[in-house]
């Protein structure tokens, strides 16, 4: 099959890595696969741009689509006509803008698949598609009567347990026990403030504990101020934005990851990556997190976070299998093609 993924984003964040891993696995299964992204917004501030990543993977589509929510109407119309002229079998749209362009620009004979990556994308105005994927089983009920499949997070092979965790910690300059991390963009939905409050409470019980905050974003400085106000400077490490193998190394060094909220990707990819590294996951009950967490935070309070952390619970979860996930999505494509 010839498959074109549409991802109207200039950032290597949210669903972007999951889309890229899915595309790679589909290509490895023998299909022709490309990923078109936002080519209008070329300057990004706090996040990594997606174009260089896709270029390096050989997945970047060069079919002339601008695919941007910032495009003026005439360029959106141009995208519609350029998409309509493409010779592909499957158009897999990932964001609302993609879905709208694909709704009107679907190439003749192609099926249209829509991935819903967060529940807020499900609106009464959602355009029709031949099939859908959702990030967790809890969302399926909102697409009753539609052909739908859960698309779990895919995990890169670099996420694996540390061969020598203590040596890795020394290399990274990390001390303390337990080592707890939060690995996400600093934005309100990720609840870093709650994490810092919970860590302050935990550190009263375990003075040797350390909190490692990996990521960047608009709320870094407010969180730094909160850390200072609570007198936690000696117990909190701001690791900044890390990418590829460097990010995996920081994750491998941890004992536990707190996932206290999700952004625009409810498949909970960070939790899956942590599990692949042998790191315990403490999480709120959002999106796909219940399927990946070792312990659940029952309410959004510091006390509940500490209780989940202290529980020591471990749950056996099968590792992510990218080839299997891709095969299941390809079956969905075939089912959609067979119904046309």
Protein backbone atom coordinates (compact mmCIF):
# COMPACT_ATOMS: atom_id res chain seq x y z
CA UNK A 1 0.00 0.00 0.00
CA UNK A 2 0.96 3.64 -0.50
CA UNK A 3 0.29 5.41 2.78
CA UNK A 4 0.39 9.14 3.47
CA UNK A 5 0.24 10.33 7.08
CA UNK A 6 -0.88 13.93 7.64
CA UNK A 7 0.39 15.66 10.79
CA UNK A 8 -0.31 19.40 10.89
CA UNK A 9 2.37 20.22 13.44
CA UNK A 10 5.91 21.65 13.24
CA UNK A 11 6.93 20.03 16.55
CA UNK A 12 8.59 16.74 17.45
CA UNK A 13 6.22 16.36 20.39
CA UNK A 14 2.76 15.05 21.16
CA UNK A 15 1.86 12.29 18.66
CA UNK A 16 4.76 13.03 16.27
CA UNK A 17 7.12 10.30 17.47
CA UNK A 18 4.31 7.75 17.61
CA UNK A 19 3.34 8.62 14.03
CA UNK A 20 6.97 8.31 12.90
CA UNK A 21 7.44 4.92 14.59
CA UNK A 22 4.18 3.68 13.09
CA UNK A 23 5.28 4.85 9.64
CA UNK A 24 8.67 3.15 10.04
CA UNK A 25 7.06 -0.12 11.09
CA UNK A 26 4.68 0.07 8.12
CA UNK A 27 7.61 0.68 5.81
CA UNK A 28 9.46 -2.29 7.31
CA UNK A 29 6.36 -4.36 6.55
CA UNK A 30 6.87 -3.57 2.85
CA UNK A 31 4.67 -0.52 2.25
CA UNK A 32 5.46 2.90 0.78
CA UNK A 33 4.98 5.45 3.56
CA UNK A 34 5.42 9.22 3.90
CA UNK A 35 4.61 11.76 6.61
CA UNK A 36 3.51 15.29 5.66
CA UNK A 37 3.84 17.96 8.36
CA UNK A 38 3.41 21.70 8.88
CA UNK A 39 5.91 23.35 6.51
CA UNK A 40 4.78 26.94 7.20
CA UNK A 41 5.90 27.31 10.82
CA UNK A 42 9.65 26.88 10.46
CA UNK A 43 10.69 28.64 13.66
CA UNK A 44 9.87 26.89 16.92
CA UNK A 45 10.96 28.15 20.31
CA UNK A 46 10.81 25.72 23.22
CA UNK A 47 10.27 22.47 21.28
CA UNK A 48 12.26 20.51 18.73
CA UNK A 49 11.22 20.89 15.07
CA UNK A 50 9.79 17.81 13.38
CA UNK A 51 11.17 18.28 9.84
CA UNK A 52 14.83 17.37 10.59
CA UNK A 53 13.74 14.27 12.47
CA UNK A 54 11.57 13.00 9.62
CA UNK A 55 14.28 13.86 7.07
CA UNK A 56 16.78 11.78 9.02
CA UNK A 57 14.34 8.86 9.07
CA UNK A 58 13.63 9.15 5.34
CA UNK A 59 9.93 9.67 5.99
CA UNK A 60 9.42 13.35 5.16
CA UNK A 61 6.86 13.93 2.42
CA UNK A 62 7.92 16.37 -0.30
CA UNK A 63 4.59 16.54 -2.09
CA UNK A 64 4.15 20.29 -1.63
CA UNK A 65 1.59 20.26 1.21
CA UNK A 66 1.86 23.23 3.58
CA UNK A 67 -0.51 21.57 6.06
CA UNK A 68 -0.63 24.34 8.66
CA UNK A 69 -3.35 25.72 10.90
CA UNK A 70 -1.72 29.11 10.22
CA UNK A 71 -2.26 28.86 6.46
CA UNK A 72 -4.58 31.41 4.83
CA UNK A 73 -7.73 29.94 3.21
CA UNK A 74 -6.34 29.96 -0.33
CA UNK A 75 -3.36 27.86 0.73
CA UNK A 76 -5.63 25.39 2.48
CA UNK A 77 -7.55 25.10 -0.79
CA UNK A 78 -4.24 24.56 -2.57
CA UNK A 79 -3.45 21.74 -0.14
CA UNK A 80 -6.83 20.18 -0.90
CA UNK A 81 -6.10 20.13 -4.64
CA UNK A 82 -2.54 18.91 -4.20
CA UNK A 83 -3.70 16.09 -1.96
CA UNK A 84 -6.46 15.16 -4.40
CA UNK A 85 -3.81 14.70 -7.10
CA UNK A 86 -1.72 12.27 -5.05
CA UNK A 87 -1.55 8.60 -5.98
CA UNK A 88 -1.99 6.97 -2.57
CA UNK A 89 -4.14 4.17 -1.19
CA UNK A 90 -4.48 5.45 2.39
CA UNK A 91 -4.61 8.95 3.83
CA UNK A 92 -4.12 8.75 7.59
CA UNK A 93 -5.03 12.07 9.23
CA UNK A 94 -3.82 12.79 12.76
CA UNK A 95 -5.10 16.27 13.65
CA UNK A 96 -8.36 18.11 12.99
CA UNK A 97 -6.77 20.32 10.32
CA UNK A 98 -5.46 17.22 8.54
CA UNK A 99 -8.89 15.63 8.67
CA UNK A 100 -10.57 18.67 7.15
CA UNK A 101 -8.03 18.85 4.30
CA UNK A 102 -8.36 15.10 3.71
CA UNK A 103 -12.16 15.23 3.87
CA UNK A 104 -12.22 17.47 0.80
CA UNK A 105 -8.95 16.40 -0.83
CA UNK A 106 -9.15 12.63 -0.56
CA UNK A 107 -7.50 11.11 -3.66
CA UNK A 108 -9.71 8.96 -5.87
CA UNK A 109 -9.89 5.41 -4.50
CA UNK A 110 -8.06 6.20 -1.25
CA UNK A 111 -9.46 5.43 2.19
CA UNK A 112 -9.42 8.04 4.92
CA UNK A 113 -8.33 7.01 8.41
CA UNK A 114 -8.48 9.42 11.36
CA UNK A 115 -6.42 9.02 14.53
CA UNK A 116 -7.94 10.76 17.52
CA UNK A 117 -4.99 11.44 19.83
CA UNK A 118 -6.93 13.25 22.60
CA UNK A 119 -10.65 13.21 23.50
CA UNK A 120 -11.01 16.95 22.91
CA UNK A 121 -10.70 16.22 19.18
CA UNK A 122 -14.01 14.34 19.26
CA UNK A 123 -16.64 16.93 18.38
CA UNK A 124 -20.06 16.82 16.79
CA UNK A 125 -18.47 18.45 13.74
CA UNK A 126 -15.93 15.63 13.30
CA UNK A 127 -15.79 14.86 9.56
CA UNK A 128 -16.58 11.37 8.38
CA UNK A 129 -13.78 8.83 7.90
CA UNK A 130 -13.62 5.19 6.85
CA UNK A 131 -12.07 4.13 10.17
CA UNK A 132 -10.62 5.63 13.33
CA UNK A 133 -7.95 4.94 15.92
CA UNK A 134 -8.17 6.15 19.51
CA UNK A 135 -5.52 6.35 22.25
CA UNK A 136 -7.36 4.25 24.83
CA UNK A 137 -10.31 1.88 25.09
CA UNK A 138 -12.23 4.43 27.19
CA UNK A 139 -12.69 6.59 24.07
CA UNK A 140 -14.20 3.84 21.89
CA UNK A 141 -17.70 4.39 23.30
CA UNK A 142 -17.71 7.88 21.80
CA UNK A 143 -17.42 6.41 18.29
CA UNK A 144 -20.24 3.89 18.48
CA UNK A 145 -21.13 2.50 15.08
CA UNK A 146 -17.72 3.36 13.58
CA UNK A 147 -14.83 1.09 12.64
CA UNK A 148 -12.34 1.85 15.41
CA UNK A 149 -9.18 0.41 16.94
CA UNK A 150 -6.97 1.44 19.87
CA UNK A 151 -3.55 2.74 18.75
CA UNK A 152 -1.21 2.20 21.73
CA UNK A 153 2.16 3.94 22.05
CA UNK A 154 5.01 2.60 19.97
CA UNK A 155 8.45 2.59 21.62
CA UNK A 156 11.86 3.09 20.04
CA UNK A 157 14.44 0.35 20.64
CA UNK A 158 16.72 2.80 22.47
CA UNK A 159 14.40 2.60 25.47
CA UNK A 160 15.78 -0.35 27.43
CA UNK A 161 16.97 -0.99 30.99
CA UNK A 162 20.36 0.35 32.02
CA UNK A 163 23.17 -2.18 32.03
CA UNK A 164 24.67 -0.46 35.08
CA UNK A 165 22.27 2.06 36.59
CA UNK A 166 24.66 3.22 39.31
CA UNK A 167 27.40 3.94 36.78
CA UNK A 168 24.93 5.81 34.60
CA UNK A 169 23.85 7.94 37.56
CA UNK A 170 27.44 8.84 38.28
CA UNK A 171 27.94 9.88 34.65
CA UNK A 172 24.85 12.11 34.85
CA UNK A 173 25.85 13.54 38.22
CA UNK A 174 22.74 12.20 39.94
CA UNK A 175 22.67 11.31 43.60
CA UNK A 176 19.90 10.41 46.00
CA UNK A 177 17.36 7.68 46.49
CA UNK A 178 14.73 7.24 45.31
CA UNK A 179 15.32 9.05 42.00
CA UNK A 180 11.95 10.27 40.76
CA UNK A 181 11.41 11.89 37.39
CA UNK A 182 8.86 13.87 35.42
CA UNK A 183 9.58 13.79 31.69
CA UNK A 184 7.41 16.16 29.69
CA UNK A 185 6.97 19.68 28.37
CA UNK A 186 6.39 22.20 31.15
CA UNK A 187 2.75 23.04 30.52
CA UNK A 188 -0.29 23.27 32.76
CA UNK A 189 -1.80 19.92 31.75
CA UNK A 190 1.30 18.04 32.98
CA UNK A 191 0.87 19.34 36.56
CA UNK A 192 4.51 19.92 37.45
CA UNK A 193 3.34 22.13 40.32
CA UNK A 194 1.50 19.19 41.86
CA UNK A 195 4.59 17.04 41.38
CA UNK A 196 6.83 19.53 43.21
CA UNK A 197 4.33 19.80 46.09
CA UNK A 198 4.17 16.01 46.34
CA UNK A 199 7.96 15.76 46.25
CA UNK A 200 8.27 18.25 49.11
CA UNK A 201 5.99 16.01 51.18
CA UNK A 202 7.84 12.84 50.12
CA UNK A 203 11.21 14.35 50.99
CA UNK A 204 10.09 14.87 54.56
CA UNK A 205 9.71 11.09 54.73
CA UNK A 206 12.75 10.28 52.58
CA UNK A 207 15.35 13.07 52.90
CA UNK A 208 17.61 11.43 50.33
CA UNK A 209 15.03 11.55 47.54
CA UNK A 210 15.72 13.52 44.35
CA UNK A 211 13.34 14.86 41.72
CA UNK A 212 14.60 15.05 38.13
CA UNK A 213 12.63 17.29 35.75
CA UNK A 214 13.39 16.57 32.09
CA UNK A 215 11.95 18.93 29.49
CA UNK A 216 11.42 22.57 28.65
CA UNK A 217 8.44 24.84 28.07
CA UNK A 218 6.77 28.05 29.13
CA UNK A 219 6.32 27.02 32.79
CA UNK A 220 9.95 26.16 33.58
CA UNK A 221 10.61 29.41 35.45
CA UNK A 222 7.42 29.30 37.56
CA UNK A 223 8.33 25.75 38.58
CA UNK A 224 11.88 26.88 39.45
CA UNK A 225 10.38 29.61 41.62
CA UNK A 226 8.16 27.04 43.34
CA UNK A 227 11.19 24.82 44.02
CA UNK A 228 13.04 27.78 45.57
CA UNK A 229 10.05 28.80 47.67
CA UNK A 230 9.81 25.29 49.11
CA UNK A 231 13.55 25.14 49.82
CA UNK A 232 14.05 22.17 47.51
CA UNK A 233 16.95 23.44 45.39
CA UNK A 234 19.31 20.74 46.69
CA UNK A 235 16.85 17.98 45.90
CA UNK A 236 15.64 18.93 42.42
CA UNK A 237 17.54 18.65 39.13
CA UNK A 238 16.36 20.55 36.05
CA UNK A 239 17.81 18.46 33.23
CA UNK A 240 16.43 20.59 30.40
CA UNK A 241 15.30 19.29 27.04
CA UNK A 242 16.93 16.00 26.10
CA UNK A 243 16.66 14.18 22.81
CA UNK A 244 17.17 10.70 21.39
CA UNK A 245 19.79 8.63 23.25
CA UNK A 246 20.43 11.38 25.79
CA UNK A 247 16.76 11.37 26.79
CA UNK A 248 16.75 7.58 27.07
CA UNK A 249 19.83 7.72 29.33
CA UNK A 250 18.14 10.13 31.74
CA UNK A 251 15.06 7.93 31.79
CA UNK A 252 17.05 4.74 32.42
CA UNK A 253 18.72 6.34 35.44
CA UNK A 254 15.43 6.80 37.33
CA UNK A 255 13.71 4.60 39.85
CA UNK A 256 10.26 5.98 39.18
CA UNK A 257 8.42 8.32 36.81
CA UNK A 258 5.42 10.42 37.82
CA UNK A 259 2.99 11.08 34.96
CA UNK A 260 0.47 13.50 36.47
CA UNK A 261 -1.25 14.66 33.30
CA UNK A 262 -1.28 14.30 29.54
CA UNK A 263 -0.97 16.81 26.72
CA UNK A 264 -2.17 16.28 23.16
CA UNK A 265 -1.21 12.58 23.06
CA UNK A 266 -3.34 10.42 25.34
CA UNK A 267 -1.58 7.19 24.37
CA UNK A 268 0.80 7.88 27.30
CA UNK A 269 4.00 7.33 25.34
CA UNK A 270 6.26 8.55 28.19
CA UNK A 271 4.85 5.87 30.48
CA UNK A 272 5.51 3.18 27.86
CA UNK A 273 9.07 4.44 27.39
CA UNK A 274 9.65 4.37 31.14
CA UNK A 275 8.36 0.82 31.41
CA UNK A 276 10.65 -0.24 28.57
CA UNK A 277 13.55 1.14 30.63
CA UNK A 278 12.49 -0.86 33.68
CA UNK A 279 11.33 2.26 35.51
CA UNK A 280 8.29 2.16 37.80
CA UNK A 281 5.35 4.35 36.69
CA UNK A 282 3.06 6.30 39.02
CA UNK A 283 0.26 7.98 37.10
CA UNK A 284 -3.12 9.65 37.15
CA UNK A 285 -6.03 7.85 35.53
CA UNK A 286 -6.10 9.67 32.19
CA UNK A 287 -6.05 8.32 28.66
CA UNK A 288 -4.05 5.12 28.27
CA UNK A 289 -2.17 5.57 31.57
CA UNK A 290 -4.26 2.98 33.50
CA UNK A 291 -2.97 0.31 31.09
CA UNK A 292 0.68 1.27 31.73
CA UNK A 293 0.95 2.42 35.35
CA UNK A 294 2.21 0.41 38.31
CA UNK A 295 0.35 2.61 40.80
CA UNK A 296 -2.54 5.03 40.28
CA UNK A 297 -3.00 8.48 41.79
CA UNK A 298 -6.59 8.42 43.02
CA UNK A 299 -7.01 12.20 43.33
CA UNK A 300 -5.08 15.30 42.30
CA UNK A 301 -3.45 15.98 45.65
CA UNK A 302 0.14 15.76 46.97
CA UNK A 303 -1.01 13.20 49.51
CA UNK A 304 -2.42 10.91 46.83
CA UNK A 305 0.75 11.15 44.73
CA UNK A 306 2.92 10.24 47.73
CA UNK A 307 0.60 7.38 48.69
CA UNK A 308 0.88 5.91 45.18
CA UNK A 309 4.65 6.33 45.23
CA UNK A 310 4.95 4.74 48.68
CA UNK A 311 2.75 1.78 47.73
CA UNK A 312 5.62 0.05 45.94
CA UNK A 313 3.10 -1.67 43.65
CA UNK A 314 4.45 -3.23 40.45
CA UNK A 315 2.28 -4.48 37.59
CA UNK A 316 3.39 -6.79 34.80
CA UNK A 317 2.68 -5.14 31.44
CA UNK A 318 3.69 -6.77 28.11
CA UNK A 319 6.34 -4.75 26.26
CA UNK A 320 5.38 -2.66 23.27
CA UNK A 321 5.67 -4.50 19.94
CA UNK A 322 5.85 -1.97 17.11
CA UNK A 323 5.56 -4.57 14.36
CA UNK A 324 2.41 -6.03 15.91
CA UNK A 325 0.83 -2.60 16.39
CA UNK A 326 1.61 -1.65 12.79
CA UNK A 327 0.15 -4.95 11.55
CA UNK A 328 -3.09 -4.27 13.42
CA UNK A 329 -3.35 -0.79 11.89
CA UNK A 330 -2.70 -2.26 8.43
CA UNK A 331 -5.57 -4.70 9.03
CA UNK A 332 -7.75 -1.69 9.84
CA UNK A 333 -6.73 -0.11 6.53
CA UNK A 334 -7.62 -3.30 4.65
CA UNK A 335 -10.99 -3.51 6.37
CA UNK A 336 -11.72 0.08 5.44
CA UNK A 337 -10.68 -0.56 1.83
CA UNK A 338 -12.84 -3.66 1.67
CA UNK A 339 -15.93 -1.78 2.80
CA UNK A 340 -15.73 0.89 0.07
